Amino acid sequence: MEPDNQRALLPFLQRYRAECGKTVWCYSGYTWEQLTGDSRGRCEVTDEILREIDILVDGPFVEALHDITLRFRGSSNQRIIDVKQSLATGTVVLWADKPLYSSHRM
């Protein structure tokens, strides 16, 4: 999510979304607050990039907080954010991890 990368990434994300329709995850290194506030992580296309992303794993990987028991993130400081819901509500909405398998029987 470096600003120079965002400018090149936006057309790719738009094309990927249009052609594949898959869920888009992004591991940013920046926090949600840095991406949505006034920081060096933002540029003129950041808001468009965020609209193309479904799930954001925010924050940098911190070796001292590394935890192999965490799903989809490497360190406990990182959050898994539902971007669509967060944009809609104006507040951080954490992704609700759904179980891979149903526990009920038919």
C-alpha atoms as a PDB file:
ATOM      1  CA  MET A   1       0.000   0.000   0.000  1.00  0.00           C
ATOM      2  CA  GLU A   2       2.873   2.383  -0.598  1.00  0.00           C
ATOM      3  CA  PRO A   3       1.418   5.345  -2.509  1.00  0.00           C
ATOM      4  CA  ASP A   4       3.579   4.725  -5.579  1.00  0.00           C
ATOM      5  CA  ASN A   5       2.373   1.132  -5.637  1.00  0.00           C
ATOM      6  CA  GLN A   6      -1.264   2.146  -5.160  1.00  0.00           C
ATOM      7  CA  ARG A   7      -1.225   4.137  -8.385  1.00  0.00           C
ATOM      8  CA  ALA A   8      -0.092   1.068 -10.330  1.00  0.00           C
ATOM      9  CA  LEU A   9      -2.260  -1.350  -8.340  1.00  0.00           C
ATOM     10  CA  LEU A  10      -5.593   0.393  -8.884  1.00  0.00           C
ATOM     11  CA  PRO A  11      -6.029  -0.522 -12.592  1.00  0.00           C
ATOM     12  CA  PHE A  12      -5.021  -4.112 -11.812  1.00  0.00           C
ATOM     13  CA  LEU A  13      -7.570  -4.381  -8.978  1.00  0.00           C
ATOM     14  CA  GLN A  14     -10.317  -2.880 -11.105  1.00  0.00           C
ATOM     15  CA  ARG A  15      -9.617  -5.303 -13.927  1.00  0.00           C
ATOM     16  CA  TYR A  16      -9.305  -8.279 -11.574  1.00  0.00           C
ATOM     17  CA  ARG A  17     -12.590  -7.395  -9.881  1.00  0.00           C
ATOM     18  CA  ALA A  18     -14.382  -7.004 -13.240  1.00  0.00           C
ATOM     19  CA  GLU A  19     -13.020 -10.198 -14.785  1.00  0.00           C
ATOM     20  CA  CYS A  20     -12.775 -12.565 -11.814  1.00  0.00           C
ATOM     21  CA  GLY A  21     -15.210 -11.338  -9.185  1.00  0.00           C
ATOM     22  CA  LYS A  22     -13.194 -12.976  -6.394  1.00  0.00           C
ATOM     23  CA  THR A  23     -12.798 -11.734  -2.828  1.00  0.00           C
ATOM     24  CA  VAL A  24      -9.825  -9.372  -2.570  1.00  0.00           C
ATOM     25  CA  TRP A  25      -7.603  -9.462   0.510  1.00  0.00           C
ATOM     26  CA  CYS A  26      -4.870  -6.905   1.102  1.00  0.00           C
ATOM     27  CA  TYR A  27      -1.990  -7.046   3.561  1.00  0.00           C
ATOM     28  CA  SER A  28      -1.097  -3.390   3.884  1.00  0.00           C
ATOM     29  CA  GLY A  29       1.588  -2.740   6.477  1.00  0.00           C
ATOM     30  CA  TYR A  30      -0.382   0.414   7.273  1.00  0.00           C
ATOM     31  CA  THR A  31      -3.204   0.663   9.781  1.00  0.00           C
ATOM     32  CA  TRP A  32      -6.768   1.494   8.766  1.00  0.00           C
ATOM     33  CA  GLU A  33      -6.361   4.840  10.482  1.00  0.00           C
ATOM     34  CA  GLN A  34      -3.265   5.625   8.411  1.00  0.00           C
ATOM     35  CA  LEU A  35      -5.002   4.660   5.177  1.00  0.00           C
ATOM     36  CA  THR A  36      -8.165   6.616   5.903  1.00  0.00           C
ATOM     37  CA  GLY A  37      -6.624   9.561   7.735  1.00  0.00           C
ATOM     38  CA  ASP A  38      -4.013  12.136   6.883  1.00  0.00           C
ATOM     39  CA  SER A  39      -0.772  10.186   6.636  1.00  0.00           C
ATOM     40  CA  ARG A  40       2.003   9.288   4.239  1.00  0.00           C
ATOM     41  CA  GLY A  41       0.153   6.042   3.456  1.00  0.00           C
ATOM     42  CA  ARG A  42      -2.491   7.948   1.523  1.00  0.00           C
ATOM     43  CA  CYS A  43      -2.497   9.311  -1.994  1.00  0.00           C
ATOM     44  CA  GLU A  44      -5.109  10.421  -4.525  1.00  0.00           C
ATOM     45  CA  VAL A  45      -6.183   6.813  -5.274  1.00  0.00           C
ATOM     46  CA  THR A  46      -6.270   5.344  -1.741  1.00  0.00           C
ATOM     47  CA  ASP A  47     -10.041   5.655  -1.379  1.00  0.00           C
ATOM     48  CA  GLU A  48     -10.562   3.965  -4.748  1.00  0.00           C
ATOM     49  CA  ILE A  49      -8.155   1.174  -3.761  1.00  0.00           C
ATOM     50  CA  LEU A  50     -10.058   0.605  -0.514  1.00  0.00           C
ATOM     51  CA  ARG A  51     -13.364   0.339  -2.409  1.00  0.00           C
ATOM     52  CA  GLU A  52     -11.847  -2.502  -4.471  1.00  0.00           C
ATOM     53  CA  ILE A  53     -10.684  -4.437  -1.372  1.00  0.00           C
ATOM     54  CA  ASP A  54     -12.962  -6.737   0.630  1.00  0.00           C
ATOM     55  CA  ILE A  55     -10.676  -7.649   3.525  1.00  0.00           C
ATOM     56  CA  LEU A  56      -7.735  -5.637   4.857  1.00  0.00           C
ATOM     57  CA  VAL A  57      -5.125  -7.080   7.182  1.00  0.00           C
ATOM     58  CA  ASP A  58      -3.791  -3.864   8.630  1.00  0.00           C
ATOM     59  CA  GLY A  59      -0.655  -2.951  10.502  1.00  0.00           C
ATOM     60  CA  PRO A  60       2.921  -4.039  10.104  1.00  0.00           C
ATOM     61  CA  PHE A  61       4.145  -7.520  10.950  1.00  0.00           C
ATOM     62  CA  VAL A  62       5.938  -7.279  14.325  1.00  0.00           C
ATOM     63  CA  GLU A  63       8.307 -10.154  15.058  1.00  0.00           C
ATOM     64  CA  ALA A  64       7.955  -9.728  18.832  1.00  0.00           C
ATOM     65  CA  LEU A  65       4.181 -10.203  18.456  1.00  0.00           C
ATOM     66  CA  HIS A  66       4.418 -13.152  16.044  1.00  0.00           C
ATOM     67  CA  ASP A  67       1.827 -15.809  16.865  1.00  0.00           C
ATOM     68  CA  ILE A  68       1.435 -18.939  14.745  1.00  0.00           C
ATOM     69  CA  THR A  69      -2.029 -19.596  16.196  1.00  0.00           C
ATOM     70  CA  LEU A  70      -3.514 -16.542  14.470  1.00  0.00           C
ATOM     71  CA  ARG A  71      -5.450 -17.139  11.264  1.00  0.00           C
ATOM     72  CA  PHE A  72      -4.593 -15.036   8.219  1.00  0.00           C
ATOM     73  CA  ARG A  73      -2.191 -12.711  10.039  1.00  0.00           C
ATOM     74  CA  GLY A  74       1.270 -13.025  11.451  1.00  0.00           C
ATOM     75  CA  SER A  75       1.326 -10.885  14.570  1.00  0.00           C
ATOM     76  CA  SER A  76      -1.226  -9.983  17.211  1.00  0.00           C
ATOM     77  CA  ASN A  77      -1.144  -6.247  16.447  1.00  0.00           C
ATOM     78  CA  GLN A  78      -2.669  -6.864  13.022  1.00  0.00           C
ATOM     79  CA  ARG A  79      -6.431  -6.685  12.532  1.00  0.00           C
ATOM     80  CA  ILE A  80      -8.589  -8.348   9.894  1.00  0.00           C
ATOM     81  CA  ILE A  81     -10.979  -5.657   8.727  1.00  0.00           C
ATOM     82  CA  ASP A  82     -14.159  -5.983   6.698  1.00  0.00           C
ATOM     83  CA  VAL A  83     -13.525  -3.039   4.381  1.00  0.00           C
ATOM     84  CA  LYS A  84     -17.010  -2.825   2.861  1.00  0.00           C
ATOM     85  CA  GLN A  85     -18.675  -2.685   6.276  1.00  0.00           C
ATOM     86  CA  SER A  86     -16.064  -0.288   7.641  1.00  0.00           C
ATOM     87  CA  LEU A  87     -16.561   2.118   4.742  1.00  0.00           C
ATOM     88  CA  ALA A  88     -20.343   1.881   5.089  1.00  0.00           C
ATOM     89  CA  THR A  89     -20.365   2.550   8.843  1.00  0.00           C
ATOM     90  CA  GLY A  90     -17.425   4.936   9.091  1.00  0.00           C
ATOM     91  CA  THR A  91     -15.850   2.833  11.829  1.00  0.00           C
ATOM     92  CA  VAL A  92     -13.574  -0.210  11.865  1.00  0.00           C
ATOM     93  CA  VAL A  93     -15.584  -3.422  11.537  1.00  0.00           C
ATOM     94  CA  LEU A  94     -13.562  -6.547  12.164  1.00  0.00           C
ATOM     95  CA  TRP A  95     -14.064  -9.453   9.790  1.00  0.00           C
ATOM     96  CA  ALA A  96     -16.243 -12.197  11.238  1.00  0.00           C
ATOM     97  CA  ASP A  97     -14.380 -15.421  10.507  1.00  0.00           C
ATOM     98  CA  LYS A  98     -16.812 -18.105   9.489  1.00  0.00           C
ATOM     99  CA  PRO A  99     -16.063 -21.770  10.221  1.00  0.00           C
ATOM    100  CA  LEU A 100     -14.892 -23.756   7.233  1.00  0.00           C
ATOM    101  CA  TYR A 101     -17.229 -26.631   7.989  1.00  0.00           C
ATOM    102  CA  SER A 102     -20.727 -26.783   9.445  1.00  0.00           C
ATOM    103  CA  SER A 103     -21.023 -28.687  12.691  1.00  0.00           C
ATOM    104  CA  HIS A 104     -24.649 -29.738  12.170  1.00  0.00           C
ATOM    105  CA  ARG A 105     -25.632 -32.898  10.332  1.00  0.00           C
ATOM    106  CA  MET A 106     -28.326 -33.298   7.734  1.00  0.00           C
END
